[in-house]
Amino acid sequence: MAAHPAHALALGFGSGLSPVAPGTAGTLWAWLAWWALGLWLSPVQQGWLLVGALPLAWWACTVTAQHLQTPDPGAIVIDEVVAFWLVLWLLLPAGFWGQATAFALFRFFDAVKPGPVGWADRLLHGRRGWAGGFGVLLDDLVAAFCTLLVLALWRPG
């Protein structure tokens, strides 16, 4: 993880090295980090953080996948982090239970990969370089969209 700065980012500062469910560990780390960032950043600043985090995540995914010589290593969790941050930002000012529901839905869509999430996962699967790095992110961004869609349709009134 310390061999290159991209690895620390891509591996979610170690959360992706969890021997059990690294994607879930990365998403939990994302939730905790988002809560901590919310203590110091306004929603507008959090939005700008996301704008910067997306290309940084793309770079980290690309470099780390190349160095590990695997198109989509399971230990890369920056894709879950950025996608879940997007969900949490768009749900502001959701409380704990709203965020917990979003967490469960996001993990469902990311793990099971139904419909459009599966399509996004297959679209660039196995590609190398920048296309492969974007492919690592794409299915998680679609999972985030599906999470938000379900929450929007479920919301009463």
C-alpha atoms as a PDB file:
ATOM      1  CA  MET A   1       0.000   0.000   0.000  1.00  0.00           C
ATOM      2  CA  ALA A   2       2.884   2.369   0.730  1.00  0.00           C
ATOM      3  CA  ALA A   3       4.659   1.684  -2.574  1.00  0.00           C
ATOM      4  CA  HIS A   4       2.781   4.498  -4.370  1.00  0.00           C
ATOM      5  CA  PRO A   5       0.378   7.269  -3.215  1.00  0.00           C
ATOM      6  CA  ALA A   6      -2.274   5.961  -5.613  1.00  0.00           C
ATOM      7  CA  HIS A   7      -2.333   2.663  -3.722  1.00  0.00           C
ATOM      8  CA  ALA A   8      -3.199   4.300  -0.392  1.00  0.00           C
ATOM      9  CA  LEU A   9      -6.120   6.074  -2.043  1.00  0.00           C
ATOM     10  CA  ALA A  10      -7.281   3.114  -4.129  1.00  0.00           C
ATOM     11  CA  LEU A  11      -7.164   0.743  -1.167  1.00  0.00           C
ATOM     12  CA  GLY A  12      -9.188   3.144   0.993  1.00  0.00           C
ATOM     13  CA  PHE A  13      -6.257   3.736   3.354  1.00  0.00           C
ATOM     14  CA  GLY A  14      -6.237   0.026   4.157  1.00  0.00           C
ATOM     15  CA  SER A  15      -9.966  -0.661   4.368  1.00  0.00           C
ATOM     16  CA  GLY A  16      -9.804  -2.534   1.056  1.00  0.00           C
ATOM     17  CA  LEU A  17      -7.327  -4.958   2.579  1.00  0.00           C
ATOM     18  CA  SER A  18     -10.048  -6.433   4.790  1.00  0.00           C
ATOM     19  CA  PRO A  19     -10.011 -10.233   4.398  1.00  0.00           C
ATOM     20  CA  VAL A  20     -13.816 -10.251   4.570  1.00  0.00           C
ATOM     21  CA  ALA A  21     -16.024  -8.113   2.300  1.00  0.00           C
ATOM     22  CA  PRO A  22     -13.511  -5.402   1.334  1.00  0.00           C
ATOM     23  CA  GLY A  23     -16.199  -3.470  -0.567  1.00  0.00           C
ATOM     24  CA  THR A  24     -18.347  -3.290   2.552  1.00  0.00           C
ATOM     25  CA  ALA A  25     -15.314  -2.310   4.652  1.00  0.00           C
ATOM     26  CA  GLY A  26     -14.502   0.434   2.142  1.00  0.00           C
ATOM     27  CA  THR A  27     -18.085   1.707   2.180  1.00  0.00           C
ATOM     28  CA  LEU A  28     -18.103   1.751   5.986  1.00  0.00           C
ATOM     29  CA  TRP A  29     -14.832   3.701   5.906  1.00  0.00           C
ATOM     30  CA  ALA A  30     -16.420   6.103   3.414  1.00  0.00           C
ATOM     31  CA  TRP A  31     -19.393   6.644   5.720  1.00  0.00           C
ATOM     32  CA  LEU A  32     -17.162   7.326   8.719  1.00  0.00           C
ATOM     33  CA  ALA A  33     -14.898   9.648   6.709  1.00  0.00           C
ATOM     34  CA  TRP A  34     -17.938  11.524   5.350  1.00  0.00           C
ATOM     35  CA  TRP A  35     -19.250  12.043   8.869  1.00  0.00           C
ATOM     36  CA  ALA A  36     -15.836  13.383   9.990  1.00  0.00           C
ATOM     37  CA  LEU A  37     -15.536  15.655   6.936  1.00  0.00           C
ATOM     38  CA  GLY A  38     -19.013  16.995   7.653  1.00  0.00           C
ATOM     39  CA  LEU A  39     -17.721  18.389  10.929  1.00  0.00           C
ATOM     40  CA  TRP A  40     -15.426  20.779   9.028  1.00  0.00           C
ATOM     41  CA  LEU A  41     -16.883  21.181   5.537  1.00  0.00           C
ATOM     42  CA  SER A  42     -20.090  22.813   4.407  1.00  0.00           C
ATOM     43  CA  PRO A  43     -22.298  20.972   1.891  1.00  0.00           C
ATOM     44  CA  VAL A  44     -20.882  23.196  -0.881  1.00  0.00           C
ATOM     45  CA  GLN A  45     -17.334  22.334   0.146  1.00  0.00           C
ATOM     46  CA  GLN A  46     -18.281  18.655   0.265  1.00  0.00           C
ATOM     47  CA  GLY A  47     -19.566  18.992  -3.299  1.00  0.00           C
ATOM     48  CA  TRP A  48     -16.240  20.472  -4.395  1.00  0.00           C
ATOM     49  CA  LEU A  49     -14.486  17.637  -2.604  1.00  0.00           C
ATOM     50  CA  LEU A  50     -16.475  15.197  -4.739  1.00  0.00           C
ATOM     51  CA  VAL A  51     -15.579  17.094  -7.915  1.00  0.00           C
ATOM     52  CA  GLY A  52     -11.911  16.632  -7.051  1.00  0.00           C
ATOM     53  CA  ALA A  53     -12.287  13.085  -5.712  1.00  0.00           C
ATOM     54  CA  LEU A  54     -13.746  11.636  -8.922  1.00  0.00           C
ATOM     55  CA  PRO A  55     -10.730  12.235 -11.194  1.00  0.00           C
ATOM     56  CA  LEU A  56      -8.373  11.408  -8.322  1.00  0.00           C
ATOM     57  CA  ALA A  57     -10.180   8.081  -7.825  1.00  0.00           C
ATOM     58  CA  TRP A  58      -9.992   7.370 -11.564  1.00  0.00           C
ATOM     59  CA  TRP A  59      -6.238   7.962 -11.467  1.00  0.00           C
ATOM     60  CA  ALA A  60      -5.773   5.840  -8.328  1.00  0.00           C
ATOM     61  CA  CYS A  61      -7.816   2.961  -9.799  1.00  0.00           C
ATOM     62  CA  THR A  62      -5.862   3.080 -13.046  1.00  0.00           C
ATOM     63  CA  VAL A  63      -2.415   3.160 -11.446  1.00  0.00           C
ATOM     64  CA  THR A  64      -3.176   0.544  -8.785  1.00  0.00           C
ATOM     65  CA  ALA A  65      -4.813  -1.889 -11.213  1.00  0.00           C
ATOM     66  CA  GLN A  66      -1.790  -1.540 -13.516  1.00  0.00           C
ATOM     67  CA  HIS A  67       0.670  -2.133 -10.675  1.00  0.00           C
ATOM     68  CA  LEU A  68      -1.305  -5.138  -9.392  1.00  0.00           C
ATOM     69  CA  GLN A  69      -1.625  -6.413 -12.987  1.00  0.00           C
ATOM     70  CA  THR A  70      -5.327  -7.082 -12.494  1.00  0.00           C
ATOM     71  CA  PRO A  71      -8.120  -5.180 -14.276  1.00  0.00           C
ATOM     72  CA  ASP A  72     -10.370  -4.818 -11.193  1.00  0.00           C
ATOM     73  CA  PRO A  73      -8.695  -5.917  -7.954  1.00  0.00           C
ATOM     74  CA  GLY A  74     -11.146  -6.531  -5.116  1.00  0.00           C
ATOM     75  CA  ALA A  75      -8.937  -4.539  -2.752  1.00  0.00           C
ATOM     76  CA  ILE A  76      -9.587  -1.326  -4.690  1.00  0.00           C
ATOM     77  CA  VAL A  77     -12.373   0.407  -2.767  1.00  0.00           C
ATOM     78  CA  ILE A  78     -11.965   4.072  -3.721  1.00  0.00           C
ATOM     79  CA  ASP A  79     -14.762   3.414  -6.216  1.00  0.00           C
ATOM     80  CA  GLU A  80     -17.128   2.539  -3.353  1.00  0.00           C
ATOM     81  CA  VAL A  81     -15.868   5.496  -1.335  1.00  0.00           C
ATOM     82  CA  VAL A  82     -16.494   8.137  -3.996  1.00  0.00           C
ATOM     83  CA  ALA A  83     -19.797   6.635  -5.151  1.00  0.00           C
ATOM     84  CA  PHE A  84     -21.140   6.394  -1.596  1.00  0.00           C
ATOM     85  CA  TRP A  85     -19.953   9.931  -0.835  1.00  0.00           C
ATOM     86  CA  LEU A  86     -22.019  11.039  -3.832  1.00  0.00           C
ATOM     87  CA  VAL A  87     -25.066   9.270  -2.382  1.00  0.00           C
ATOM     88  CA  LEU A  88     -24.553  10.824   1.042  1.00  0.00           C
ATOM     89  CA  TRP A  89     -24.012  14.295  -0.420  1.00  0.00           C
ATOM     90  CA  LEU A  90     -27.192  14.130  -2.497  1.00  0.00           C
ATOM     91  CA  LEU A  91     -29.139  12.887   0.531  1.00  0.00           C
ATOM     92  CA  LEU A  92     -28.079  15.802   2.740  1.00  0.00           C
ATOM     93  CA  PRO A  93     -29.369  16.444   5.405  1.00  0.00           C
ATOM     94  CA  ALA A  94     -30.367  12.780   5.913  1.00  0.00           C
ATOM     95  CA  GLY A  95     -30.067  11.454   9.440  1.00  0.00           C
ATOM     96  CA  PHE A  96     -28.549   8.192  10.608  1.00  0.00           C
ATOM     97  CA  TRP A  97     -31.429   5.932   9.499  1.00  0.00           C
ATOM     98  CA  GLY A  98     -31.648   7.526   6.074  1.00  0.00           C
ATOM     99  CA  GLN A  99     -27.911   7.054   5.637  1.00  0.00           C
ATOM    100  CA  ALA A 100     -28.097   3.478   6.946  1.00  0.00           C
ATOM    101  CA  THR A 101     -30.838   2.689   4.437  1.00  0.00           C
ATOM    102  CA  ALA A 102     -28.718   4.225   1.677  1.00  0.00           C
ATOM    103  CA  PHE A 103     -25.752   2.123   2.857  1.00  0.00           C
ATOM    104  CA  ALA A 104     -27.778  -1.101   2.683  1.00  0.00           C
ATOM    105  CA  LEU A 105     -29.194  -0.271  -0.751  1.00  0.00           C
ATOM    106  CA  PHE A 106     -25.818   0.781  -2.131  1.00  0.00           C
ATOM    107  CA  ARG A 107     -24.161  -2.424  -0.873  1.00  0.00           C
ATOM    108  CA  PHE A 108     -26.996  -4.469  -2.406  1.00  0.00           C
ATOM    109  CA  PHE A 109     -26.636  -2.835  -5.807  1.00  0.00           C
ATOM    110  CA  ASP A 110     -22.829  -2.991  -5.720  1.00  0.00           C
ATOM    111  CA  ALA A 111     -22.638  -6.641  -4.601  1.00  0.00           C
ATOM    112  CA  VAL A 112     -25.530  -8.184  -6.552  1.00  0.00           C
ATOM    113  CA  LYS A 113     -25.117  -5.953  -9.639  1.00  0.00           C
ATOM    114  CA  PRO A 114     -28.686  -6.205 -10.936  1.00  0.00           C
ATOM    115  CA  GLY A 115     -29.687  -4.737 -14.306  1.00  0.00           C
ATOM    116  CA  PRO A 116     -27.852  -1.545 -15.165  1.00  0.00           C
ATOM    117  CA  VAL A 117     -25.157  -2.115 -12.523  1.00  0.00           C
ATOM    118  CA  GLY A 118     -24.255  -5.455 -14.099  1.00  0.00           C
ATOM    119  CA  TRP A 119     -24.237  -3.855 -17.543  1.00  0.00           C
ATOM    120  CA  ALA A 120     -21.881  -1.111 -16.310  1.00  0.00           C
ATOM    121  CA  ASP A 121     -19.646  -3.718 -14.683  1.00  0.00           C
ATOM    122  CA  ARG A 122     -19.343  -5.678 -17.950  1.00  0.00           C
ATOM    123  CA  LEU A 123     -18.983  -2.645 -20.208  1.00  0.00           C
ATOM    124  CA  LEU A 124     -15.277  -2.023 -19.585  1.00  0.00           C
ATOM    125  CA  HIS A 125     -14.453  -5.225 -17.679  1.00  0.00           C
ATOM    126  CA  GLY A 126     -10.991  -6.504 -18.390  1.00  0.00           C
ATOM    127  CA  ARG A 127      -9.868  -3.288 -20.043  1.00  0.00           C
ATOM    128  CA  ARG A 128      -6.538  -1.878 -19.030  1.00  0.00           C
ATOM    129  CA  GLY A 129      -5.253   1.689 -18.749  1.00  0.00           C
ATOM    130  CA  TRP A 130      -7.526   4.679 -18.306  1.00  0.00           C
ATOM    131  CA  ALA A 131     -10.565   2.845 -19.713  1.00  0.00           C
ATOM    132  CA  GLY A 132     -10.066   0.080 -17.168  1.00  0.00           C
ATOM    133  CA  GLY A 133      -9.642   2.584 -14.355  1.00  0.00           C
ATOM    134  CA  PHE A 134     -12.921   4.221 -15.341  1.00  0.00           C
ATOM    135  CA  GLY A 135     -14.529   0.791 -15.578  1.00  0.00           C
ATOM    136  CA  VAL A 136     -13.641   0.159 -11.937  1.00  0.00           C
ATOM    137  CA  LEU A 137     -15.573   3.325 -11.019  1.00  0.00           C
ATOM    138  CA  LEU A 138     -18.479   3.030 -13.440  1.00  0.00           C
ATOM    139  CA  ASP A 139     -20.474   0.202 -11.859  1.00  0.00           C
ATOM    140  CA  ASP A 140     -20.259   1.876  -8.448  1.00  0.00           C
ATOM    141  CA  LEU A 141     -21.493   5.179  -9.867  1.00  0.00           C
ATOM    142  CA  VAL A 142     -24.420   3.323 -11.451  1.00  0.00           C
ATOM    143  CA  ALA A 143     -25.040   1.564  -8.103  1.00  0.00           C
ATOM    144  CA  ALA A 144     -25.123   5.014  -6.492  1.00  0.00           C
ATOM    145  CA  PHE A 145     -27.645   6.210  -9.098  1.00  0.00           C
ATOM    146  CA  CYS A 146     -29.833   3.130  -8.499  1.00  0.00           C
ATOM    147  CA  THR A 147     -29.650   3.705  -4.736  1.00  0.00           C
ATOM    148  CA  LEU A 148     -30.759   7.295  -5.154  1.00  0.00           C
ATOM    149  CA  LEU A 149     -33.531   6.282  -7.559  1.00  0.00           C
ATOM    150  CA  VAL A 150     -34.960   3.742  -5.106  1.00  0.00           C
ATOM    151  CA  LEU A 151     -34.785   6.256  -2.266  1.00  0.00           C
ATOM    152  CA  ALA A 152     -36.483   8.928  -4.398  1.00  0.00           C
ATOM    153  CA  LEU A 153     -39.292   6.551  -5.399  1.00  0.00           C
ATOM    154  CA  TRP A 154     -39.662   5.233  -1.843  1.00  0.00           C
ATOM    155  CA  ARG A 155     -39.843   8.657  -0.201  1.00  0.00           C
ATOM    156  CA  PRO A 156     -43.419   9.374   0.868  1.00  0.00           C
ATOM    157  CA  GLY A 157     -45.165  12.439  -0.484  1.00  0.00           C
END
